[in-house]
Amino acid sequence: MPVTIPAGLLAQRGLGDDWGRWLDRLPRLAAELLDEWGLRQTGESLHGYCSLVLPVVDPDGVAGALKISFDGDDESLHEGLALQHWGG
């Protein structure tokens, strides 16, 4: 299943050149992360204000989500560490 970027997230291109560059490389980045972690996308791409979210399964068939946030989002800077700490 090819990674598609939802229209609502593509609309963020109007927020500046940094957003445009991130959106341009996002499909390739998502495909690379899926491959690197052995994930398979299982549904349509979703999005938040500054992130792409892909429903996935891991190599063992466990369902999850791959979230890729905009590089310039300071609010999400430590989100991965927080989720790791909380076990979710």
Protein backbone atom coordinates (compact mmCIF):
# COMPACT_ATOMS: atom_id res chain seq x y z
CA MET A 1 0.00 0.00 0.00
CA PRO A 2 1.63 3.28 -1.03
CA VAL A 3 1.88 5.96 1.63
CA THR A 4 -0.45 8.83 0.83
CA ILE A 5 -0.51 12.17 2.57
CA PRO A 6 -4.04 13.26 3.57
CA ALA A 7 -5.29 16.52 2.06
CA GLY A 8 -5.70 18.06 5.50
CA LEU A 9 -2.03 17.59 6.25
CA LEU A 10 -0.98 18.78 2.79
CA ALA A 11 -2.85 22.01 3.54
CA GLN A 12 -0.13 22.79 6.11
CA ARG A 13 2.16 23.62 3.17
CA GLY A 14 0.76 27.14 3.47
CA LEU A 15 2.50 27.53 6.84
CA GLY A 16 5.90 28.03 5.23
CA ASP A 17 8.85 26.58 3.38
CA ASP A 18 9.86 24.29 6.26
CA TRP A 19 6.47 22.64 6.07
CA GLY A 20 6.73 22.30 2.30
CA ARG A 21 10.12 20.59 2.51
CA TRP A 22 8.87 18.22 5.22
CA LEU A 23 5.75 17.34 3.24
CA ASP A 24 7.84 16.75 0.11
CA ARG A 25 10.05 14.21 1.86
CA LEU A 26 7.31 12.67 4.04
CA PRO A 27 6.22 9.84 1.69
CA ARG A 28 9.82 8.65 1.30
CA LEU A 29 10.51 9.01 5.04
CA ALA A 30 7.39 7.02 5.91
CA ALA A 31 8.30 4.24 3.46
CA GLU A 32 11.84 4.08 4.86
CA LEU A 33 10.59 3.84 8.46
CA LEU A 34 8.06 1.14 7.56
CA ASP A 35 10.82 -0.86 5.91
CA GLU A 36 13.41 -0.26 8.64
CA TRP A 37 11.08 -1.41 11.41
CA GLY A 38 9.42 -4.22 9.41
CA LEU A 39 5.99 -2.61 9.65
CA ARG A 40 3.14 -3.07 7.21
CA GLN A 41 0.55 -0.34 6.74
CA THR A 42 -2.95 -1.72 7.27
CA GLY A 43 -5.23 1.22 6.59
CA GLU A 44 -5.58 4.69 5.21
CA SER A 45 -3.22 7.44 6.31
CA LEU A 46 -4.49 9.68 9.09
CA HIS A 47 -3.12 12.95 10.41
CA GLY A 48 -3.03 15.41 13.24
CA TYR A 49 -2.15 19.08 13.06
CA CYS A 50 1.54 18.35 12.51
CA SER A 51 1.90 14.61 12.03
CA LEU A 52 1.19 11.71 9.73
CA VAL A 53 -0.25 8.61 11.41
CA LEU A 54 -0.23 5.22 9.72
CA PRO A 55 -2.10 2.20 11.12
CA VAL A 56 0.38 -0.69 11.01
CA VAL A 57 1.16 -4.23 12.12
CA ASP A 58 4.61 -5.35 13.18
CA PRO A 59 6.34 -8.53 11.94
CA ASP A 60 4.50 -10.52 14.66
CA GLY A 61 1.11 -9.19 13.55
CA VAL A 62 0.70 -6.83 16.50
CA ALA A 63 -1.34 -3.76 15.58
CA GLY A 64 0.00 -0.29 16.22
CA ALA A 65 0.50 3.12 14.70
CA LEU A 66 3.48 4.86 13.17
CA LYS A 67 3.39 8.59 13.91
CA ILE A 68 5.77 10.90 12.07
CA SER A 69 5.77 14.46 13.39
CA PHE A 70 6.86 17.66 11.70
CA ASP A 71 10.53 18.35 12.48
CA GLY A 72 9.85 21.90 13.63
CA ASP A 73 7.15 21.08 16.20
CA ASP A 74 8.69 21.98 19.58
CA GLU A 75 5.62 20.74 21.47
CA SER A 76 6.24 17.16 20.27
CA LEU A 77 10.00 17.26 20.80
CA HIS A 78 9.94 14.85 23.76
CA GLU A 79 6.72 12.99 22.95
CA GLY A 80 8.58 9.76 22.14
CA LEU A 81 10.38 9.80 25.48
CA ALA A 82 7.13 10.44 27.33
CA LEU A 83 5.37 7.56 25.58
CA GLN A 84 8.33 5.28 26.29
CA HIS A 85 8.23 6.24 29.97
CA TRP A 86 4.46 5.65 30.19
CA GLY A 87 4.73 2.37 28.26
CA GLY A 88 2.42 3.48 25.47
